[in-house]
Amino acid sequence: MPIPNFNTLLDFPGWQATTAQDLLSTWAAPQSDPAAACNAIVPDTPDYWLDIDNTALTLNAVGQATFNLTSTPLNFSGTLSLLLDGLQGITGMSSAFSPTTISLAGGIAATSALTITGSTKAPAGTYPITIVANNGNLTHMVTAQVTVPAPGFRLSTMLLAFGNQQTNTSASQTVSLTNNAKTSTSITSIVSNLSMFTQTNTCGTKLAAGKSCTVTVTFTPSFAGTFTGTLTFTDADVTSPQVVTLTGTGTAAPTATLLPASMRFGSVTVGTTSAASTSTLTNTSLTAALNITSTTLTGANPGDFKITSASTCPGSGTVNPLAICLITVTFTPAASGARSATLTINDNTKSGTQTISLSGTGTAAVPTATLLPSSLSFGSITVGKTSSSKSSTLTDTNSSAALNITGMTLTGANPANFKITSASTCPSSGTINPLKTCLIKVTFTPSKTGSRSATLTVNDNTSGGKQTISLTGTGK
């Protein structure tokens, strides 16, 4: 009898033409789905099915095998307790259900995963196991077998999950390979299948008995996206190839602005601090955090500028998406003239930095001074006789600027009748330090009878350029 070729698809007329069979028969589609009859099963009493996805597994490269259980209720609601039988007496073998029970309700199937773990002490062999599900008087069982291969290569993990990683940056993780065999085992290759995942290793071409080696995997996404790859060990072990799954997600770099990008402090007296200026740092990304690694001041005069405690940007930390922070700076010139620096924020944007240009001009401090009393009156003195001295106190009233005296002069109607004595402590040319004082002592020797007068002038570097004392007396 002719039959259709295997794996060919024929409709009923095609069947008739190809086989010359059923030539007098006709065909019509069923009035309902035949599968519906299977779904309409109603048990005599509430019950459930218990199924397993595999009936035979071998421990993988990390020494584990996982059986997935599915229980389907048949007009049944309740909780199934789970039990494994068959491994109790085997050294180095353990097991765990996740979840530990199966709850059934509403006609919906539920699952549990049985993971069997064999340590390096587990003897090689194939072991039958029985999985028992029980609820009251209802008990169902499925059987399977798990194979423990001869001692050989064992991986520390079968998954390296890198999570989120910014594009064009790198993160590394390691996996170790241990040879539990009694002899050395050759290694042909260790290969990653994606360029985003690169590897270096200490394994060489042969791993000695009882020894371990380390493979370092580096994830460097070149563009945004989710990546899944494999790290494959090809070797002479019976479990070869051993495969480690590699996962990671490349995320776009954040974007940011720092405005204004310059701060100009104008003219500030040397040694005094300006009012603060502020720039705003904005993370303009919708999803990516801006990570600040450091904030530095560099350039010609970085010591003249200071990031104040009023700043809300962290010196090292995170600015959330679409969030802002403030950078507040003051200027304290250490010397006169143009002063400048650059404030740099190092971050994880594509450029890696945000900068502010800082500038200001230091101006020399101008001292202030008093000379008191500002007049000295000597009264009546006999012509040719010298009076006792009188004093005025010169004070530099500025807390930071020195008072520089460039000269002292006597001028006016009768300057020769008055004399600055050697008992004076003010220099005729020299410096008075901030907030310090000195004395100017003067005597009167009239050369004629009648009113005599003069002006004593101290020339200095105050804004007025001088301090004066009015001197008067009468000759008799």
Protein backbone atom coordinates (compact mmCIF):
# COMPACT_ATOMS: atom_id res chain seq x y z
CA MET A 1 0.00 0.00 0.00
CA PRO A 2 1.50 3.35 -0.97
CA ILE A 3 1.90 5.86 1.89
CA PRO A 4 2.74 9.58 1.89
CA ASN A 5 6.35 10.53 2.37
CA PHE A 6 7.32 11.16 6.00
CA ASN A 7 6.90 14.77 7.16
CA THR A 8 4.78 15.76 4.12
CA LEU A 9 1.52 17.63 4.56
CA LEU A 10 -1.44 16.47 2.49
CA ASP A 11 -5.08 17.46 2.52
CA PHE A 12 -7.66 14.73 2.00
CA PRO A 13 -7.77 15.00 -1.83
CA GLY A 14 -4.00 14.93 -1.83
CA TRP A 15 -4.09 11.76 0.26
CA GLN A 16 -6.48 10.14 -2.18
CA ALA A 17 -4.37 11.12 -5.19
CA THR A 18 -1.10 10.01 -3.61
CA THR A 19 -2.24 6.73 -2.03
CA ALA A 20 -5.16 5.73 -4.32
CA GLN A 21 -7.00 4.93 -1.07
CA ASP A 22 -10.43 6.01 0.20
CA LEU A 23 -11.48 7.14 -3.25
CA LEU A 24 -15.17 6.78 -2.40
CA SER A 25 -14.85 8.57 0.94
CA THR A 26 -15.63 12.18 1.75
CA TRP A 27 -14.37 14.44 4.54
CA ALA A 28 -15.90 17.23 6.57
CA ALA A 29 -14.55 19.31 9.47
CA PRO A 30 -15.84 18.34 12.93
CA GLN A 31 -18.60 20.51 14.34
CA SER A 32 -16.58 21.27 17.52
CA ASP A 33 -13.01 21.17 18.77
CA PRO A 34 -12.14 17.53 19.55
CA ALA A 35 -9.77 18.73 22.27
CA ALA A 36 -12.76 20.04 24.23
CA ALA A 37 -13.59 16.48 25.23
CA CYS A 38 -10.25 16.21 27.01
CA ASN A 39 -10.87 19.43 28.92
CA ALA A 40 -14.23 18.25 30.15
CA ILE A 41 -12.89 15.48 32.38
CA VAL A 42 -14.66 15.47 35.74
CA PRO A 43 -13.17 13.12 38.36
CA ASP A 44 -15.38 10.99 40.56
CA THR A 45 -13.80 12.74 43.56
CA PRO A 46 -11.55 15.84 43.87
CA ASP A 47 -8.06 14.97 42.70
CA TYR A 48 -4.94 16.45 41.09
CA TRP A 49 -2.25 15.52 38.58
CA LEU A 50 1.48 15.69 39.33
CA ASP A 51 3.89 16.09 36.41
CA ILE A 52 7.66 16.53 36.08
CA ASP A 53 9.50 18.21 33.20
CA ASN A 54 12.45 15.78 33.14
CA THR A 55 12.80 12.22 34.28
CA ALA A 56 16.60 12.14 34.13
CA LEU A 57 19.16 14.90 34.76
CA THR A 58 22.90 15.10 35.32
CA LEU A 59 24.43 17.52 37.82
CA ASN A 60 25.61 20.61 35.95
CA ALA A 61 28.96 22.39 36.19
CA VAL A 62 28.14 23.87 39.59
CA GLY A 63 26.89 20.54 40.93
CA GLN A 64 23.14 21.11 40.63
CA ALA A 65 20.13 19.66 38.82
CA THR A 66 16.64 21.21 38.87
CA PHE A 67 13.40 19.33 38.26
CA ASN A 68 10.29 21.45 37.67
CA LEU A 69 7.02 20.05 39.09
CA THR A 70 3.54 21.02 37.92
CA SER A 71 0.35 20.07 39.73
CA THR A 72 -3.02 20.50 37.97
CA PRO A 73 -6.18 20.45 40.13
CA LEU A 74 -9.18 18.35 39.11
CA ASN A 75 -12.03 19.90 41.08
CA PHE A 76 -9.54 20.14 43.95
CA SER A 77 -8.39 22.90 46.30
CA GLY A 78 -5.75 22.53 48.97
CA THR A 79 -2.05 22.53 49.80
CA LEU A 80 0.27 19.73 48.75
CA SER A 81 3.20 18.88 50.98
CA LEU A 82 6.29 17.75 49.06
CA LEU A 83 8.79 15.07 49.93
CA LEU A 84 11.86 13.65 48.17
CA ASP A 85 12.92 10.05 48.71
CA GLY A 86 16.07 8.35 47.44
CA LEU A 87 19.01 10.58 48.45
CA GLN A 88 19.01 10.24 52.23
CA GLY A 89 21.91 7.85 52.45
CA ILE A 90 24.13 9.38 49.76
CA THR A 91 27.12 11.40 51.00
CA GLY A 92 27.31 14.98 49.82
CA MET A 93 23.80 15.12 48.33
CA SER A 94 21.13 17.62 49.39
CA SER A 95 17.85 18.91 48.01
CA ALA A 96 15.35 21.75 48.38
CA PHE A 97 11.87 22.52 47.06
CA SER A 98 10.98 26.11 46.09
CA PRO A 99 8.33 26.76 47.17
CA THR A 100 8.24 24.04 49.79
CA THR A 101 4.53 23.32 49.16
CA ILE A 102 2.13 23.64 46.22
CA SER A 103 -1.15 25.48 46.79
CA LEU A 104 -4.02 24.69 44.41
CA ALA A 105 -7.21 26.69 44.05
CA GLY A 106 -9.65 27.85 41.37
CA GLY A 107 -8.69 25.15 38.91
CA ILE A 108 -5.29 26.78 38.24
CA ALA A 109 -2.12 24.70 38.02
CA ALA A 110 0.81 25.56 40.31
CA THR A 111 4.50 24.70 40.34
CA SER A 112 7.51 24.02 42.51
CA ALA A 113 11.18 23.54 41.63
CA LEU A 114 13.24 20.74 43.15
CA THR A 115 16.97 21.54 43.17
CA ILE A 116 19.37 18.72 43.94
CA THR A 117 22.92 19.70 44.89
CA GLY A 118 25.89 17.38 44.97
CA SER A 119 29.11 18.43 46.69
CA THR A 120 32.50 17.26 45.50
CA LYS A 121 32.20 14.44 48.06
CA ALA A 122 29.14 12.94 46.34
CA PRO A 123 30.04 9.58 44.77
CA ALA A 124 29.59 9.24 41.03
CA GLY A 125 26.58 7.27 39.91
CA THR A 126 22.94 7.38 38.83
CA TYR A 127 20.40 7.57 41.63
CA PRO A 128 16.62 6.95 41.35
CA ILE A 129 14.48 9.47 43.21
CA THR A 130 10.79 9.61 44.08
CA ILE A 131 8.93 12.89 44.50
CA VAL A 132 5.84 12.61 46.68
CA ALA A 133 2.96 15.14 46.83
CA ASN A 134 0.42 14.62 49.59
CA ASN A 135 -2.79 16.15 50.87
CA GLY A 136 -4.66 14.07 53.45
CA ASN A 137 -5.54 10.75 51.87
CA LEU A 138 -4.50 11.91 48.39
CA THR A 139 -0.93 11.03 47.47
CA HIS A 140 0.71 11.14 44.05
CA MET A 141 4.28 10.30 43.09
CA VAL A 142 6.61 10.80 40.16
CA THR A 143 9.94 9.10 39.69
CA ALA A 144 13.14 10.32 38.08
CA GLN A 145 16.86 9.79 38.25
CA VAL A 146 19.80 12.10 38.86
CA THR A 147 23.32 11.34 37.70
CA VAL A 148 26.43 12.48 39.56
CA PRO A 149 29.33 12.55 37.09
CA ALA A 150 32.80 11.40 38.05
CA PRO A 151 34.76 14.05 39.99
CA GLY A 152 36.06 16.61 37.56
CA PHE A 153 35.62 20.26 36.71
CA ARG A 154 33.34 22.34 38.90
CA LEU A 155 32.38 26.02 38.37
CA SER A 156 31.73 28.45 41.21
CA THR A 157 28.67 29.84 39.42
CA MET A 158 26.74 29.49 36.19
CA LEU A 159 25.56 33.10 36.09
CA LEU A 160 27.36 36.45 36.14
CA ALA A 161 24.75 39.24 36.31
CA PHE A 162 26.27 42.70 35.89
CA GLY A 163 23.05 44.72 36.17
CA ASN A 164 23.11 48.30 34.88
CA GLN A 165 26.40 49.64 33.53
CA GLN A 166 26.89 53.01 31.90
CA THR A 167 27.99 52.83 28.28
CA ASN A 168 31.73 52.96 27.66
CA THR A 169 32.49 52.15 31.31
CA SER A 170 33.44 48.76 32.72
CA ALA A 171 32.67 46.39 35.57
CA SER A 172 34.29 43.04 36.31
CA GLN A 173 33.25 39.81 38.03
CA THR A 174 35.00 36.48 38.46
CA VAL A 175 34.17 32.79 38.16
CA SER A 176 36.47 30.06 39.42
CA LEU A 177 37.08 26.65 37.85
CA THR A 178 38.17 23.78 40.12
CA ASN A 179 39.53 20.40 39.02
CA ASN A 180 38.25 17.78 41.48
CA ALA A 181 39.65 14.91 39.42
CA LYS A 182 42.72 12.94 40.50
CA THR A 183 44.62 13.85 37.35
CA SER A 184 45.29 17.07 35.45
CA THR A 185 42.79 18.00 32.75
CA SER A 186 43.50 19.90 29.56
CA ILE A 187 41.62 23.07 28.63
CA THR A 188 41.05 23.82 24.96
CA SER A 189 39.43 27.26 25.15
CA ILE A 190 37.55 29.74 27.29
CA VAL A 191 35.46 31.98 25.03
CA SER A 192 32.88 34.75 25.40
CA ASN A 193 30.42 34.98 22.53
CA LEU A 194 29.76 38.75 22.83
CA SER A 195 32.29 41.55 22.42
CA MET A 196 30.67 43.44 25.33
CA PHE A 197 31.93 40.67 27.60
CA THR A 198 35.69 40.09 27.56
CA GLN A 199 37.65 37.64 29.68
CA THR A 200 41.11 37.07 31.06
CA ASN A 201 42.05 33.96 33.01
CA THR A 202 44.74 32.18 34.97
CA CYS A 203 43.76 28.72 33.74
CA GLY A 204 46.29 28.07 30.99
CA THR A 205 45.96 24.94 28.84
CA LYS A 206 45.93 22.40 31.67
CA LEU A 207 44.54 22.45 35.21
CA ALA A 208 46.26 20.24 37.74
CA ALA A 209 44.36 17.88 40.02
CA GLY A 210 42.90 19.65 43.05
CA LYS A 211 43.76 23.10 41.68
CA SER A 212 41.59 26.10 40.80
CA CYS A 213 41.90 28.96 38.35
CA THR A 214 40.06 32.25 37.97
CA VAL A 215 38.35 33.80 34.97
CA THR A 216 37.70 37.55 35.14
CA VAL A 217 34.85 38.74 32.93
CA THR A 218 34.59 42.46 32.12
CA PHE A 219 31.36 44.00 30.87
CA THR A 220 31.84 47.16 28.74
CA PRO A 221 28.65 48.11 26.89
CA SER A 222 29.32 50.31 23.88
CA PHE A 223 25.67 51.28 23.47
CA ALA A 224 22.50 51.17 25.54
CA GLY A 225 20.57 47.89 25.65
CA THR A 226 20.20 44.56 27.44
CA PHE A 227 22.77 41.90 26.63
CA THR A 228 22.85 38.17 27.30
CA GLY A 229 25.93 36.16 26.41
CA THR A 230 27.82 33.05 27.36
CA LEU A 231 31.25 32.17 28.65
CA THR A 232 32.04 28.69 27.35
CA PHE A 233 34.73 26.36 28.74
CA THR A 234 35.82 23.66 26.31
CA ASP A 235 38.03 21.00 27.88
CA ALA A 236 38.67 17.30 28.37
CA ASP A 237 36.30 16.93 31.32
CA VAL A 238 33.20 14.76 30.87
CA THR A 239 30.95 17.75 31.61
CA SER A 240 32.46 19.82 28.78
CA PRO A 241 31.40 22.29 27.56
CA GLN A 242 30.66 24.18 30.78
CA VAL A 243 28.66 27.33 30.12
CA VAL A 244 28.28 30.44 32.29
CA THR A 245 25.44 32.80 31.37
CA LEU A 246 26.44 36.48 31.20
CA THR A 247 23.86 39.27 31.54
CA GLY A 248 24.10 43.05 31.70
CA THR A 249 22.34 46.22 30.66
CA GLY A 250 24.08 49.17 29.04
CA THR A 251 22.65 52.49 30.18
CA ALA A 252 23.09 55.88 28.51
CA ALA A 253 25.39 58.40 30.18
CA PRO A 254 23.62 61.28 31.94
CA THR A 255 23.71 64.84 30.62
CA ALA A 256 24.22 67.96 32.71
CA THR A 257 24.52 71.74 32.63
CA LEU A 258 26.42 74.06 34.97
CA LEU A 259 25.21 77.65 34.59
CA PRO A 260 26.44 80.29 34.64
CA ALA A 261 29.71 78.80 33.42
CA SER A 262 31.75 81.75 34.71
CA MET A 263 31.89 83.83 37.88
CA ARG A 264 33.41 87.33 37.80
CA PHE A 265 33.97 88.84 41.26
CA GLY A 266 35.26 92.25 40.14
CA SER A 267 37.67 94.25 42.32
CA VAL A 268 38.09 93.07 45.90
CA THR A 269 40.53 94.44 48.45
CA VAL A 270 43.41 92.08 49.15
CA GLY A 271 42.72 89.96 52.21
CA THR A 272 38.97 90.59 52.28
CA THR A 273 36.25 88.17 51.15
CA SER A 274 33.76 88.97 48.43
CA ALA A 275 30.06 88.28 48.42
CA ALA A 276 29.26 84.74 47.25
CA SER A 277 28.40 83.85 43.66
CA THR A 278 26.32 80.80 42.71
CA SER A 279 26.06 78.44 39.73
CA THR A 280 23.38 75.77 39.29
CA LEU A 281 24.26 72.18 38.36
CA THR A 282 21.34 70.41 36.64
CA ASN A 283 21.05 66.72 35.80
CA THR A 284 19.12 67.04 32.54
CA SER A 285 18.68 63.26 32.11
CA LEU A 286 15.25 61.69 32.50
CA THR A 287 16.50 58.41 33.98
CA ALA A 288 20.27 58.41 34.56
CA ALA A 289 21.75 59.60 37.85
CA LEU A 290 24.62 62.09 37.72
CA ASN A 291 27.47 60.72 39.81
CA ILE A 292 29.95 63.33 41.04
CA THR A 293 33.33 61.80 41.89
CA SER A 294 35.16 64.98 42.94
CA THR A 295 35.16 68.77 42.79
CA THR A 296 38.48 70.59 42.38
CA LEU A 297 39.91 74.12 42.10
CA THR A 298 42.87 74.47 39.73
CA GLY A 299 44.55 77.14 37.62
CA ALA A 300 46.64 80.21 38.41
CA ASN A 301 45.25 81.16 41.84
CA PRO A 302 43.03 78.35 43.20
CA GLY A 303 43.74 79.36 46.80
CA ASP A 304 41.97 82.71 46.27
CA PHE A 305 38.61 80.99 45.67
CA LYS A 306 36.58 78.85 48.06
CA ILE A 307 33.54 76.58 47.65
CA THR A 308 31.41 77.57 50.62
CA SER A 309 29.37 75.44 52.98
CA ALA A 310 26.23 77.00 51.49
CA SER A 311 26.74 74.81 48.40
CA THR A 312 24.21 72.00 48.05
CA CYS A 313 26.16 69.98 45.45
CA PRO A 314 28.08 67.10 47.04
CA GLY A 315 31.84 67.05 46.69
CA SER A 316 31.32 63.38 45.94
CA GLY A 317 27.84 61.93 45.49
CA THR A 318 24.74 61.66 43.33
CA VAL A 319 22.35 64.14 41.72
CA ASN A 320 19.11 62.41 40.75
CA PRO A 321 17.54 62.68 37.27
CA LEU A 322 16.13 66.17 36.58
CA ALA A 323 17.35 67.38 39.99
CA ILE A 324 19.54 70.43 40.66
CA CYS A 325 22.10 71.54 43.22
CA LEU A 326 23.99 74.79 43.86
CA ILE A 327 27.70 75.60 43.93
CA THR A 328 28.52 78.76 45.91
CA VAL A 329 31.98 80.37 45.67
CA THR A 330 33.70 83.34 47.35
CA PHE A 331 36.84 85.28 46.33
CA THR A 332 39.56 86.38 48.78
CA PRO A 333 42.51 87.77 46.80
CA ALA A 334 45.90 87.07 48.31
CA ALA A 335 47.61 89.73 46.19
CA SER A 336 46.72 92.66 43.98
CA GLY A 337 46.12 92.24 40.26
CA ALA A 338 44.15 89.80 38.13
CA ARG A 339 43.38 86.47 39.85
CA SER A 340 41.82 83.39 38.28
CA ALA A 341 41.05 79.68 38.72
CA THR A 342 38.88 76.89 37.29
CA LEU A 343 36.31 74.94 39.29
CA THR A 344 35.91 71.42 37.87
CA ILE A 345 33.22 68.89 38.70
CA ASN A 346 34.28 65.37 37.69
CA ASP A 347 31.27 63.22 36.86
CA ASN A 348 29.92 60.36 34.75
CA THR A 349 28.70 62.39 31.77
CA LYS A 350 30.16 61.57 28.39
CA SER A 351 32.60 64.49 28.65
CA GLY A 352 33.43 63.59 32.24
CA THR A 353 33.53 67.16 33.58
CA GLN A 354 31.59 70.39 34.14
CA THR A 355 33.60 73.60 34.69
CA ILE A 356 33.24 77.17 35.94
CA SER A 357 35.75 79.90 35.04
CA LEU A 358 36.52 82.03 38.12
CA SER A 359 38.08 85.51 37.94
CA GLY A 360 38.54 88.62 40.05
CA THR A 361 40.95 91.46 40.70
CA GLY A 362 42.79 92.03 43.94
CA THR A 363 43.21 95.65 44.92
CA ALA A 364 45.70 96.87 47.49
CA ALA A 365 44.17 97.53 50.89
CA VAL A 366 43.87 101.23 51.78
CA PRO A 367 44.55 101.94 55.44
CA THR A 368 42.67 104.42 57.58
CA ALA A 369 44.19 106.52 60.33
CA THR A 370 43.52 109.10 63.04
CA LEU A 371 45.88 111.72 64.51
CA LEU A 372 44.50 112.96 67.82
CA PRO A 373 44.37 115.49 69.17
CA SER A 374 44.42 117.29 65.86
CA SER A 375 45.56 120.57 67.42
CA LEU A 376 48.19 121.46 70.01
CA SER A 377 48.13 124.83 71.79
CA PHE A 378 51.25 125.79 73.79
CA GLY A 379 49.95 128.99 75.42
CA SER A 380 52.31 131.92 76.22
CA ILE A 381 56.02 131.18 76.18
CA THR A 382 58.86 133.67 76.69
CA VAL A 383 60.63 134.51 73.47
CA GLY A 384 63.66 132.24 73.07
CA LYS A 385 62.47 129.77 75.69
CA THR A 386 61.32 126.20 74.80
CA SER A 387 58.02 124.84 76.06
CA SER A 388 57.45 121.40 77.42
CA SER A 389 56.44 118.90 74.73
CA LYS A 390 52.91 118.06 73.75
CA SER A 391 51.82 114.81 72.05
CA SER A 392 49.37 113.56 69.44
CA THR A 393 48.69 109.85 68.82
CA LEU A 394 48.75 108.46 65.28
CA THR A 395 46.65 105.27 64.95
CA ASP A 396 46.36 102.85 62.00
CA THR A 397 42.65 102.01 62.35
CA ASN A 398 42.61 99.40 59.55
CA SER A 399 42.68 95.77 60.65
CA SER A 400 44.59 94.52 57.62
CA ALA A 401 46.40 97.36 55.81
CA ALA A 402 49.64 98.87 57.07
CA LEU A 403 49.96 102.65 57.31
CA ASN A 404 53.01 103.78 55.34
CA ILE A 405 54.44 107.17 56.39
CA THR A 406 56.40 108.83 53.61
CA GLY A 407 57.33 112.08 55.43
CA MET A 408 56.57 114.66 58.11
CA THR A 409 56.68 118.41 57.46
CA LEU A 410 56.14 121.66 59.34
CA THR A 411 54.56 124.42 57.25
CA GLY A 412 52.53 127.55 57.78
CA ALA A 413 53.25 131.02 59.23
CA ASN A 414 55.98 130.13 61.76
CA PRO A 415 57.16 126.49 61.18
CA ALA A 416 60.61 127.25 62.66
CA ASN A 417 59.05 128.03 66.08
CA PHE A 418 57.90 124.38 66.41
CA LYS A 419 59.98 121.17 66.55
CA ILE A 420 59.23 117.41 66.33
CA THR A 421 61.30 115.99 69.15
CA SER A 422 63.39 112.85 69.23
CA ALA A 423 61.04 111.46 71.86
CA SER A 424 58.47 110.87 69.11
CA THR A 425 57.85 107.18 68.35
CA CYS A 426 56.34 107.75 64.91
CA PRO A 427 58.90 107.34 62.12
CA SER A 428 59.36 110.22 59.74
CA SER A 429 59.38 107.57 57.03
CA GLY A 430 58.24 104.02 57.80
CA THR A 431 55.35 101.71 58.60
CA ILE A 432 52.69 101.50 61.30
CA ASN A 433 51.16 98.04 61.41
CA PRO A 434 47.39 97.52 61.39
CA LEU A 435 45.69 98.69 64.60
CA LYS A 436 49.00 99.99 66.03
CA THR A 437 49.81 103.50 67.34
CA CYS A 438 52.75 105.88 67.69
CA LEU A 439 53.33 109.29 69.26
CA ILE A 440 54.35 112.61 67.73
CA LYS A 441 55.86 114.98 70.32
CA VAL A 442 56.27 118.71 69.55
CA THR A 443 57.86 121.69 71.41
CA PHE A 444 57.35 125.47 70.92
CA THR A 445 60.19 128.03 70.96
CA PRO A 446 58.80 131.47 69.93
CA SER A 447 61.23 133.71 68.09
CA LYS A 448 59.11 136.85 68.54
CA THR A 449 56.30 138.12 70.69
CA GLY A 450 52.73 137.65 69.56
CA SER A 451 50.73 134.81 68.08
CA ARG A 452 52.72 132.09 66.38
CA SER A 453 51.33 129.14 64.31
CA ALA A 454 52.23 126.22 62.01
CA THR A 455 50.84 122.99 60.57
CA LEU A 456 52.45 119.56 61.11
CA THR A 457 51.64 117.22 58.20
CA VAL A 458 52.13 113.43 58.19
CA ASN A 459 52.14 112.20 54.58
CA ASP A 460 50.84 108.62 54.26
CA ASN A 461 49.02 106.07 52.08
CA THR A 462 45.50 106.67 53.33
CA SER A 463 42.92 107.74 50.81
CA GLY A 464 43.39 111.35 51.92
CA GLY A 465 47.14 111.03 51.74
CA LYS A 466 47.90 112.86 54.99
CA GLN A 467 47.10 113.55 58.63
CA THR A 468 47.60 117.08 60.12
CA ILE A 469 48.01 118.82 63.47
CA SER A 470 47.34 122.53 63.97
CA LEU A 471 50.07 124.10 66.17
CA THR A 472 49.60 127.44 67.99
CA GLY A 473 51.31 129.43 70.70
CA THR A 474 52.11 133.03 71.84
CA GLY A 475 55.53 134.61 72.29
CA LYS A 476 55.90 137.06 75.23
